[in-house]
Amino acid sequence: MNQKEIRELIDYLIDKDIAEFELERGDVKLRVKRGNSTSVTQVVAVPTAAPAPLIAHAPVAAPSHPAPAAPAPAASTSAPAEAAPQSSEEAELVGAHIIKSPIVGTFYESPSPGAPPFVKPGDPVSVGQVLCIVEAMKLMNEIESDYSGTIIKRFVNNGQPVEYGQQLFAVKP
């Protein structure tokens, strides 16, 4: 994979607002990951036979609506992470159960276009209740709640691509 192909791939991932991508082709492994707070895309191409990775940083424009990501681990600083003041959004999610995507695909909030969403913030849910659909390889996979409570937040938008383990909903008991 040459530098031009990597640049085209990065541009495509930015255009489709994909936060993380991994590709293995022959003896080359490529992983692209975009963070929310930085405007740098990290590209790591590692030939599997070579011991040292090739790392290239390419500046890109920050996405207009960044995909949600898991919180970054706290860096060692002089103040502990718990002492940092929480935003109202973070405070709202304390104690909430996070329902994550079990597969990679496209998130849909309703069973068909124009239909009302399965759930919205403020709705009560029970274990086994369908929350959304994640389409993968032309298969519509119903994602069910594994927790009873009230939906307090939806992390993704209708039609947005989702990754394995990406946060979909926050549910409070």
N, C-alpha and C. Protein backbone atom coordinates (compact mmCIF):
# COMPACT_ATOMS: atom_id res chain seq x y z
N MET A 1 0.87 -1.17 0.00
CA MET A 1 0.00 0.00 0.00
C MET A 1 0.91 1.23 0.00
N ASN A 2 0.72 2.09 -1.00
CA ASN A 2 1.58 3.26 -1.09
C ASN A 2 0.96 4.46 -0.37
N GLN A 3 1.73 5.54 -0.31
CA GLN A 3 1.29 6.73 0.43
C GLN A 3 0.04 7.35 -0.18
N LYS A 4 -0.10 7.31 -1.51
CA LYS A 4 -1.29 7.88 -2.16
C LYS A 4 -2.54 7.10 -1.77
N GLU A 5 -2.45 5.78 -1.74
CA GLU A 5 -3.59 4.95 -1.34
C GLU A 5 -3.98 5.21 0.12
N ILE A 6 -2.99 5.39 0.97
CA ILE A 6 -3.26 5.68 2.39
C ILE A 6 -3.95 7.03 2.51
N ARG A 7 -3.49 8.03 1.77
CA ARG A 7 -4.10 9.37 1.81
C ARG A 7 -5.56 9.30 1.35
N GLU A 8 -5.83 8.55 0.25
CA GLU A 8 -7.20 8.39 -0.24
C GLU A 8 -8.07 7.69 0.80
N LEU A 9 -7.52 6.69 1.46
CA LEU A 9 -8.26 5.97 2.50
C LEU A 9 -8.59 6.90 3.66
N ILE A 10 -7.63 7.71 4.09
CA ILE A 10 -7.86 8.67 5.19
C ILE A 10 -8.95 9.67 4.80
N ASP A 11 -8.88 10.19 3.58
CA ASP A 11 -9.90 11.14 3.12
C ASP A 11 -11.28 10.49 3.11
N TYR A 12 -11.36 9.24 2.67
CA TYR A 12 -12.64 8.52 2.66
C TYR A 12 -13.17 8.33 4.08
N LEU A 13 -12.29 7.94 5.02
CA LEU A 13 -12.70 7.72 6.40
C LEU A 13 -13.19 9.02 7.03
N ILE A 14 -12.55 10.13 6.72
CA ILE A 14 -12.98 11.43 7.23
C ILE A 14 -14.34 11.79 6.65
N ASP A 15 -14.49 11.58 5.34
CA ASP A 15 -15.74 11.89 4.66
C ASP A 15 -16.90 11.09 5.25
N LYS A 16 -16.67 9.84 5.58
CA LYS A 16 -17.72 8.98 6.14
C LYS A 16 -17.79 9.06 7.67
N ASP A 17 -16.94 9.89 8.28
CA ASP A 17 -16.91 10.11 9.73
C ASP A 17 -16.68 8.80 10.48
N ILE A 18 -15.69 8.02 10.02
CA ILE A 18 -15.33 6.76 10.68
C ILE A 18 -14.15 7.06 11.59
N ALA A 19 -14.31 6.73 12.87
CA ALA A 19 -13.31 7.10 13.87
C ALA A 19 -12.14 6.11 13.93
N GLU A 20 -12.37 4.86 13.61
CA GLU A 20 -11.31 3.86 13.73
C GLU A 20 -11.45 2.84 12.62
N PHE A 21 -10.31 2.43 12.04
CA PHE A 21 -10.31 1.50 10.92
C PHE A 21 -9.05 0.66 10.98
N GLU A 22 -9.18 -0.62 10.66
CA GLU A 22 -8.03 -1.52 10.65
C GLU A 22 -8.09 -2.38 9.40
N LEU A 23 -6.93 -2.60 8.75
CA LEU A 23 -6.87 -3.36 7.52
C LEU A 23 -5.61 -4.20 7.53
N GLU A 24 -5.73 -5.46 7.13
CA GLU A 24 -4.57 -6.32 6.94
C GLU A 24 -4.58 -6.78 5.50
N ARG A 25 -3.48 -6.50 4.81
CA ARG A 25 -3.36 -6.91 3.41
C ARG A 25 -1.97 -7.50 3.23
N GLY A 26 -1.92 -8.81 3.02
CA GLY A 26 -0.63 -9.48 2.87
C GLY A 26 0.17 -9.36 4.15
N ASP A 27 1.37 -8.81 4.04
CA ASP A 27 2.22 -8.67 5.22
C ASP A 27 2.19 -7.27 5.82
N VAL A 28 1.20 -6.46 5.42
CA VAL A 28 1.08 -5.10 5.95
C VAL A 28 -0.21 -4.99 6.77
N LYS A 29 -0.09 -4.42 7.95
CA LYS A 29 -1.24 -4.16 8.80
C LYS A 29 -1.36 -2.65 8.94
N LEU A 30 -2.56 -2.11 8.65
CA LEU A 30 -2.78 -0.66 8.70
C LEU A 30 -3.89 -0.38 9.70
N ARG A 31 -3.64 0.57 10.61
CA ARG A 31 -4.65 0.96 11.59
C ARG A 31 -4.72 2.48 11.61
N VAL A 32 -5.95 3.02 11.44
CA VAL A 32 -6.18 4.46 11.46
C VAL A 32 -7.15 4.74 12.59
N LYS A 33 -6.79 5.69 13.45
CA LYS A 33 -7.67 6.05 14.57
C LYS A 33 -7.67 7.56 14.70
N ARG A 34 -8.91 8.14 14.71
CA ARG A 34 -9.05 9.59 14.88
C ARG A 34 -9.59 9.86 16.26
N GLY A 35 -9.02 10.85 16.94
CA GLY A 35 -9.51 11.25 18.25
C GLY A 35 -10.44 12.43 18.12
N ASN A 36 -11.29 12.66 19.16
CA ASN A 36 -12.24 13.78 19.15
C ASN A 36 -11.56 15.11 19.36
N SER A 37 -10.59 15.17 20.27
CA SER A 37 -10.06 16.46 20.69
C SER A 37 -8.89 16.94 19.84
N THR A 38 -8.30 16.07 19.04
CA THR A 38 -7.16 16.50 18.24
C THR A 38 -7.53 16.57 16.78
N SER A 39 -6.71 17.26 16.03
CA SER A 39 -6.95 17.34 14.60
C SER A 39 -5.87 16.58 13.86
N VAL A 40 -5.35 15.51 14.43
CA VAL A 40 -4.31 14.71 13.83
C VAL A 40 -4.81 13.29 13.67
N THR A 41 -4.61 12.73 12.51
CA THR A 41 -4.94 11.34 12.27
C THR A 41 -3.66 10.54 12.42
N GLN A 42 -3.72 9.46 13.14
CA GLN A 42 -2.55 8.62 13.31
C GLN A 42 -2.69 7.43 12.38
N VAL A 43 -1.68 7.20 11.58
CA VAL A 43 -1.66 6.07 10.67
C VAL A 43 -0.46 5.22 11.04
N VAL A 44 -0.68 3.95 11.28
CA VAL A 44 0.40 3.05 11.62
C VAL A 44 0.38 1.91 10.61
N ALA A 45 1.41 1.79 9.81
CA ALA A 45 1.54 0.69 8.87
C ALA A 45 2.68 -0.18 9.36
N VAL A 46 2.40 -1.45 9.63
CA VAL A 46 3.39 -2.34 10.21
C VAL A 46 3.54 -3.57 9.33
N PRO A 47 4.66 -3.74 8.64
CA PRO A 47 4.89 -5.01 7.98
C PRO A 47 5.04 -6.07 9.06
N THR A 48 4.36 -7.21 8.92
CA THR A 48 4.36 -8.20 9.99
C THR A 48 5.72 -8.82 10.22
N ALA A 49 6.59 -8.85 9.21
CA ALA A 49 7.92 -9.43 9.37
C ALA A 49 8.90 -8.45 10.01
N ALA A 50 8.63 -7.15 9.92
CA ALA A 50 9.55 -6.14 10.44
C ALA A 50 9.30 -5.88 11.92
N PRO A 51 10.36 -5.73 12.73
CA PRO A 51 10.16 -5.51 14.16
C PRO A 51 9.76 -4.08 14.51
N ALA A 52 10.14 -3.07 13.71
CA ALA A 52 9.85 -1.68 14.05
C ALA A 52 8.72 -1.15 13.18
N PRO A 53 7.69 -0.50 13.80
CA PRO A 53 6.58 0.04 13.02
C PRO A 53 6.96 1.34 12.32
N LEU A 54 6.31 1.60 11.18
CA LEU A 54 6.43 2.86 10.47
C LEU A 54 5.25 3.72 10.89
N ILE A 55 5.51 4.88 11.44
CA ILE A 55 4.44 5.75 11.93
C ILE A 55 4.50 7.06 11.17
N ALA A 56 3.35 7.47 10.61
CA ALA A 56 3.25 8.73 9.90
C ALA A 56 2.09 9.52 10.46
N HIS A 57 2.28 10.79 10.70
CA HIS A 57 1.20 11.65 11.17
C HIS A 57 0.80 12.58 10.04
N ALA A 58 -0.50 12.64 9.77
CA ALA A 58 -1.00 13.50 8.70
C ALA A 58 -2.03 14.46 9.28
N PRO A 59 -1.84 15.79 9.12
CA PRO A 59 -2.84 16.72 9.64
C PRO A 59 -4.11 16.65 8.81
N VAL A 60 -5.24 16.71 9.49
CA VAL A 60 -6.54 16.70 8.82
C VAL A 60 -7.45 17.69 9.51
N ALA A 61 -8.50 18.08 8.82
CA ALA A 61 -9.48 18.99 9.43
C ALA A 61 -10.26 18.23 10.48
N ALA A 62 -10.59 18.90 11.56
CA ALA A 62 -11.39 18.28 12.60
C ALA A 62 -12.78 17.99 12.05
N PRO A 63 -13.37 16.83 12.38
CA PRO A 63 -14.70 16.53 11.85
C PRO A 63 -15.73 17.51 12.35
N SER A 64 -16.73 17.80 11.50
CA SER A 64 -17.75 18.77 11.86
C SER A 64 -18.66 18.24 12.96
N HIS A 65 -18.84 16.94 13.02
CA HIS A 65 -19.61 16.32 14.09
C HIS A 65 -18.91 15.02 14.46
N PRO A 66 -17.96 15.09 15.42
CA PRO A 66 -17.13 13.93 15.73
C PRO A 66 -17.94 12.77 16.28
N ALA A 67 -17.50 11.58 15.95
CA ALA A 67 -18.14 10.38 16.45
C ALA A 67 -17.83 10.23 17.94
N PRO A 68 -18.77 9.75 18.72
CA PRO A 68 -18.50 9.58 20.14
C PRO A 68 -17.44 8.51 20.33
N ALA A 69 -16.64 8.68 21.33
CA ALA A 69 -15.59 7.72 21.62
C ALA A 69 -15.53 7.49 23.11
N ALA A 70 -14.92 6.37 23.48
CA ALA A 70 -14.78 6.06 24.89
C ALA A 70 -13.84 7.09 25.50
N PRO A 71 -14.02 7.44 26.78
CA PRO A 71 -13.14 8.42 27.41
C PRO A 71 -11.71 7.91 27.42
N ALA A 72 -10.78 8.82 27.17
CA ALA A 72 -9.37 8.46 27.17
C ALA A 72 -8.90 8.19 28.59
N PRO A 73 -7.96 7.26 28.76
CA PRO A 73 -7.46 7.02 30.10
C PRO A 73 -6.76 8.26 30.63
N ALA A 74 -6.87 8.49 31.91
CA ALA A 74 -6.30 9.69 32.52
C ALA A 74 -4.78 9.64 32.46
N ALA A 75 -4.18 10.71 32.04
CA ALA A 75 -2.73 10.80 32.00
C ALA A 75 -2.24 11.15 33.40
N SER A 76 -1.00 10.75 33.69
CA SER A 76 -0.49 11.06 35.02
C SER A 76 -0.15 12.54 35.09
N THR A 77 -0.88 13.26 35.91
CA THR A 77 -0.65 14.69 36.09
C THR A 77 -0.53 14.93 37.58
N SER A 78 -0.34 16.18 37.96
CA SER A 78 -0.20 16.49 39.38
C SER A 78 -1.51 16.33 40.13
N ALA A 79 -2.65 16.51 39.47
CA ALA A 79 -3.96 16.36 40.12
C ALA A 79 -4.57 15.03 39.71
N PRO A 80 -5.17 14.30 40.65
CA PRO A 80 -5.81 13.03 40.30
C PRO A 80 -7.03 13.25 39.41
N ALA A 81 -7.38 12.24 38.61
CA ALA A 81 -8.49 12.35 37.66
C ALA A 81 -9.81 12.60 38.38
N GLU A 82 -9.99 12.03 39.57
CA GLU A 82 -11.24 12.21 40.29
C GLU A 82 -11.46 13.65 40.73
N ALA A 83 -10.38 14.40 40.88
CA ALA A 83 -10.50 15.77 41.37
C ALA A 83 -10.94 16.74 40.26
N ALA A 84 -10.86 16.30 38.99
CA ALA A 84 -11.25 17.17 37.89
C ALA A 84 -12.76 17.41 37.95
N PRO A 85 -13.21 18.65 37.75
CA PRO A 85 -14.65 18.91 37.78
C PRO A 85 -15.34 18.24 36.61
N GLN A 86 -16.53 17.70 36.85
CA GLN A 86 -17.27 17.02 35.80
C GLN A 86 -18.24 17.98 35.13
N SER A 87 -18.42 17.77 33.82
CA SER A 87 -19.44 18.55 33.13
C SER A 87 -20.80 18.00 33.51
N SER A 88 -21.86 18.74 33.21
CA SER A 88 -23.20 18.27 33.55
C SER A 88 -23.51 16.97 32.80
N GLU A 89 -22.98 16.83 31.58
CA GLU A 89 -23.21 15.60 30.81
C GLU A 89 -22.52 14.41 31.48
N GLU A 90 -21.28 14.60 31.94
CA GLU A 90 -20.57 13.52 32.62
C GLU A 90 -21.26 13.17 33.93
N ALA A 91 -21.72 14.19 34.67
CA ALA A 91 -22.39 13.95 35.94
C ALA A 91 -23.69 13.18 35.72
N GLU A 92 -24.37 13.46 34.61
CA GLU A 92 -25.62 12.77 34.30
C GLU A 92 -25.39 11.28 34.04
N LEU A 93 -24.22 10.93 33.50
CA LEU A 93 -23.93 9.54 33.15
C LEU A 93 -23.35 8.72 34.29
N VAL A 94 -23.03 9.35 35.43
CA VAL A 94 -22.49 8.61 36.56
C VAL A 94 -23.54 7.62 37.04
N GLY A 95 -23.14 6.37 37.16
CA GLY A 95 -24.04 5.33 37.62
C GLY A 95 -24.94 4.76 36.53
N ALA A 96 -24.80 5.25 35.31
CA ALA A 96 -25.63 4.75 34.21
C ALA A 96 -25.01 3.49 33.62
N HIS A 97 -25.86 2.61 33.12
CA HIS A 97 -25.41 1.41 32.42
C HIS A 97 -25.29 1.77 30.94
N ILE A 98 -24.15 1.47 30.33
CA ILE A 98 -23.92 1.80 28.93
C ILE A 98 -24.17 0.56 28.08
N ILE A 99 -25.05 0.70 27.10
CA ILE A 99 -25.31 -0.38 26.15
C ILE A 99 -24.46 -0.12 24.93
N LYS A 100 -23.63 -1.11 24.56
CA LYS A 100 -22.68 -0.94 23.47
C LYS A 100 -23.05 -1.81 22.28
N SER A 101 -22.54 -1.44 21.12
CA SER A 101 -22.82 -2.20 19.91
C SER A 101 -22.06 -3.52 19.94
N PRO A 102 -22.76 -4.63 19.72
CA PRO A 102 -22.08 -5.92 19.70
C PRO A 102 -21.43 -6.23 18.36
N ILE A 103 -21.69 -5.38 17.34
CA ILE A 103 -21.15 -5.62 16.01
C ILE A 103 -20.84 -4.29 15.32
N VAL A 104 -20.10 -4.38 14.23
CA VAL A 104 -19.83 -3.23 13.38
C VAL A 104 -20.96 -3.15 12.36
N GLY A 105 -21.46 -1.95 12.10
CA GLY A 105 -22.52 -1.81 11.12
C GLY A 105 -23.06 -0.40 11.08
N THR A 106 -24.30 -0.26 10.64
CA THR A 106 -24.97 1.04 10.55
C THR A 106 -26.13 1.07 11.54
N PHE A 107 -26.18 2.11 12.36
CA PHE A 107 -27.19 2.26 13.41
C PHE A 107 -28.49 2.81 12.81
N TYR A 108 -29.61 2.16 13.15
CA TYR A 108 -30.93 2.66 12.78
C TYR A 108 -31.81 2.71 14.02
N GLU A 109 -32.47 3.84 14.23
CA GLU A 109 -33.30 4.05 15.42
C GLU A 109 -34.70 3.49 15.30
N SER A 110 -35.13 3.14 14.07
CA SER A 110 -36.50 2.68 13.87
C SER A 110 -36.50 1.48 12.92
N PRO A 111 -37.61 0.74 12.90
CA PRO A 111 -37.67 -0.46 12.05
C PRO A 111 -37.73 -0.16 10.56
N SER A 112 -38.18 1.03 10.18
CA SER A 112 -38.22 1.42 8.77
C SER A 112 -38.19 2.94 8.67
N PRO A 113 -37.78 3.47 7.52
CA PRO A 113 -37.75 4.93 7.37
C PRO A 113 -39.14 5.52 7.60
N GLY A 114 -39.22 6.57 8.35
CA GLY A 114 -40.49 7.24 8.63
C GLY A 114 -41.22 6.68 9.84
N ALA A 115 -40.81 5.52 10.33
CA ALA A 115 -41.44 4.93 11.52
C ALA A 115 -40.89 5.60 12.77
N PRO A 116 -41.65 5.60 13.86
CA PRO A 116 -41.12 6.18 15.10
C PRO A 116 -39.96 5.35 15.63
N PRO A 117 -39.03 5.98 16.36
CA PRO A 117 -37.88 5.23 16.90
C PRO A 117 -38.33 4.18 17.91
N PHE A 118 -37.53 3.13 18.04
CA PHE A 118 -37.82 2.10 19.04
C PHE A 118 -37.88 2.74 20.43
N VAL A 119 -36.86 3.54 20.76
CA VAL A 119 -36.80 4.23 22.05
C VAL A 119 -36.19 5.61 21.86
N LYS A 120 -36.46 6.50 22.81
CA LYS A 120 -35.83 7.82 22.81
C LYS A 120 -35.51 8.18 24.26
N PRO A 121 -34.65 9.15 24.49
CA PRO A 121 -34.34 9.53 25.87
C PRO A 121 -35.60 9.83 26.66
N GLY A 122 -35.66 9.26 27.88
CA GLY A 122 -36.82 9.43 28.75
C GLY A 122 -37.73 8.21 28.74
N ASP A 123 -37.58 7.32 27.75
CA ASP A 123 -38.42 6.12 27.66
C ASP A 123 -37.93 5.05 28.65
N PRO A 124 -38.86 4.36 29.32
CA PRO A 124 -38.47 3.22 30.15
C PRO A 124 -38.20 2.01 29.25
N VAL A 125 -37.21 1.19 29.62
CA VAL A 125 -36.90 -0.02 28.87
C VAL A 125 -36.76 -1.19 29.84
N SER A 126 -37.00 -2.38 29.32
CA SER A 126 -36.82 -3.59 30.12
C SER A 126 -35.88 -4.54 29.39
N VAL A 127 -35.37 -5.52 30.11
CA VAL A 127 -34.45 -6.49 29.53
C VAL A 127 -35.15 -7.19 28.37
N GLY A 128 -34.46 -7.28 27.23
CA GLY A 128 -35.00 -7.95 26.05
C GLY A 128 -35.75 -7.03 25.10
N GLN A 129 -36.00 -5.80 25.49
CA GLN A 129 -36.71 -4.85 24.62
C GLN A 129 -35.78 -4.39 23.51
N VAL A 130 -36.28 -4.32 22.28
CA VAL A 130 -35.49 -3.86 21.14
C VAL A 130 -35.25 -2.36 21.27
N LEU A 131 -33.97 -1.97 21.16
CA LEU A 131 -33.58 -0.56 21.28
C LEU A 131 -33.30 0.07 19.91
N CYS A 132 -32.73 -0.72 19.00
CA CYS A 132 -32.33 -0.20 17.70
C CYS A 132 -32.01 -1.37 16.79
N ILE A 133 -31.60 -1.04 15.58
CA ILE A 133 -31.13 -2.03 14.63
C ILE A 133 -29.73 -1.62 14.20
N VAL A 134 -28.83 -2.62 14.11
CA VAL A 134 -27.51 -2.38 13.52
C VAL A 134 -27.43 -3.28 12.29
N GLU A 135 -27.34 -2.63 11.13
CA GLU A 135 -27.26 -3.37 9.87
C GLU A 135 -25.81 -3.73 9.60
N ALA A 136 -25.57 -5.01 9.33
CA ALA A 136 -24.24 -5.49 8.99
C ALA A 136 -24.37 -6.48 7.85
N MET A 137 -23.71 -6.21 6.75
CA MET A 137 -23.72 -7.09 5.59
C MET A 137 -25.15 -7.42 5.14
N LYS A 138 -25.98 -6.40 5.05
CA LYS A 138 -27.37 -6.48 4.59
C LYS A 138 -28.28 -7.26 5.54
N LEU A 139 -27.80 -7.56 6.76
CA LEU A 139 -28.62 -8.21 7.77
C LEU A 139 -29.00 -7.18 8.82
N MET A 140 -30.29 -7.13 9.16
CA MET A 140 -30.78 -6.21 10.18
C MET A 140 -30.76 -6.92 11.53
N ASN A 141 -29.85 -6.49 12.41
CA ASN A 141 -29.68 -7.11 13.71
C ASN A 141 -30.35 -6.24 14.78
N GLU A 142 -31.38 -6.79 15.42
CA GLU A 142 -32.07 -6.05 16.48
C GLU A 142 -31.19 -6.08 17.73
N ILE A 143 -30.92 -4.92 18.28
CA ILE A 143 -30.13 -4.82 19.50
C ILE A 143 -31.11 -4.67 20.66
N GLU A 144 -31.04 -5.61 21.60
CA GLU A 144 -31.96 -5.62 22.73
C GLU A 144 -31.27 -5.10 23.98
N SER A 145 -32.08 -4.57 24.87
CA SER A 145 -31.56 -4.06 26.14
C SER A 145 -31.16 -5.22 27.04
N ASP A 146 -30.02 -5.08 27.70
CA ASP A 146 -29.59 -6.07 28.66
C ASP A 146 -29.74 -5.52 30.09
N TYR A 147 -30.53 -4.44 30.20
CA TYR A 147 -30.67 -3.74 31.48
C TYR A 147 -32.04 -3.07 31.52
N SER A 148 -32.67 -3.06 32.68
CA SER A 148 -33.95 -2.36 32.85
C SER A 148 -33.71 -0.99 33.46
N GLY A 149 -34.44 -0.01 32.98
CA GLY A 149 -34.31 1.35 33.50
C GLY A 149 -34.91 2.35 32.54
N THR A 150 -34.33 3.56 32.52
CA THR A 150 -34.81 4.64 31.66
C THR A 150 -33.66 5.11 30.77
N ILE A 151 -33.94 5.26 29.49
CA ILE A 151 -32.93 5.77 28.54
C ILE A 151 -32.65 7.23 28.91
N ILE A 152 -31.38 7.55 29.18
CA ILE A 152 -31.04 8.95 29.48
C ILE A 152 -30.25 9.60 28.35
N LYS A 153 -29.64 8.78 27.47
CA LYS A 153 -28.86 9.38 26.38
C LYS A 153 -28.69 8.37 25.25
N ARG A 154 -28.77 8.89 24.02
CA ARG A 154 -28.43 8.11 22.83
C ARG A 154 -27.14 8.71 22.30
N PHE A 155 -26.12 7.90 22.09
CA PHE A 155 -24.81 8.40 21.70
C PHE A 155 -24.60 8.52 20.20
N VAL A 156 -25.43 7.87 19.39
CA VAL A 156 -25.23 7.88 17.93
C VAL A 156 -26.47 8.40 17.21
N ASN A 157 -26.27 8.85 16.00
CA ASN A 157 -27.36 9.37 15.18
C ASN A 157 -27.86 8.31 14.21
N ASN A 158 -29.08 8.45 13.76
CA ASN A 158 -29.67 7.52 12.82
C ASN A 158 -28.85 7.49 11.53
N GLY A 159 -28.53 6.28 11.05
CA GLY A 159 -27.77 6.12 9.82
C GLY A 159 -26.27 6.21 10.00
N GLN A 160 -25.79 6.41 11.22
CA GLN A 160 -24.36 6.57 11.49
C GLN A 160 -23.69 5.21 11.58
N PRO A 161 -22.49 5.06 11.00
CA PRO A 161 -21.74 3.81 11.17
C PRO A 161 -21.31 3.67 12.64
N VAL A 162 -21.36 2.44 13.15
CA VAL A 162 -20.91 2.17 14.52
C VAL A 162 -19.86 1.07 14.50
N GLU A 163 -18.98 1.13 15.47
CA GLU A 163 -17.92 0.14 15.63
C GLU A 163 -18.30 -0.87 16.70
N TYR A 164 -17.62 -1.99 16.74
CA TYR A 164 -17.82 -2.96 17.81
C TYR A 164 -17.46 -2.30 19.14
N GLY A 165 -18.34 -2.41 20.12
CA GLY A 165 -18.07 -1.86 21.45
C GLY A 165 -18.38 -0.37 21.58
N GLN A 166 -18.84 0.27 20.53
CA GLN A 166 -19.15 1.71 20.60
C GLN A 166 -20.41 1.91 21.43
N GLN A 167 -20.43 2.96 22.22
CA GLN A 167 -21.57 3.28 23.07
C GLN A 167 -22.79 3.63 22.21
N LEU A 168 -23.94 3.02 22.55
CA LEU A 168 -25.18 3.32 21.85
C LEU A 168 -26.14 4.09 22.75
N PHE A 169 -26.39 3.57 23.96
CA PHE A 169 -27.35 4.17 24.88
C PHE A 169 -26.81 4.14 26.30
N ALA A 170 -27.26 5.12 27.11
CA ALA A 170 -27.01 5.12 28.56
C ALA A 170 -28.38 4.91 29.23
N VAL A 171 -28.43 3.97 30.18
CA VAL A 171 -29.67 3.63 30.86
C VAL A 171 -29.45 3.78 32.36
N LYS A 172 -30.34 4.52 33.02
CA LYS A 172 -30.30 4.66 34.49
C LYS A 172 -31.35 3.73 35.08
N PRO A 173 -31.06 3.11 36.22
CA PRO A 173 -32.03 2.21 36.86
C PRO A 173 -33.27 2.97 37.34
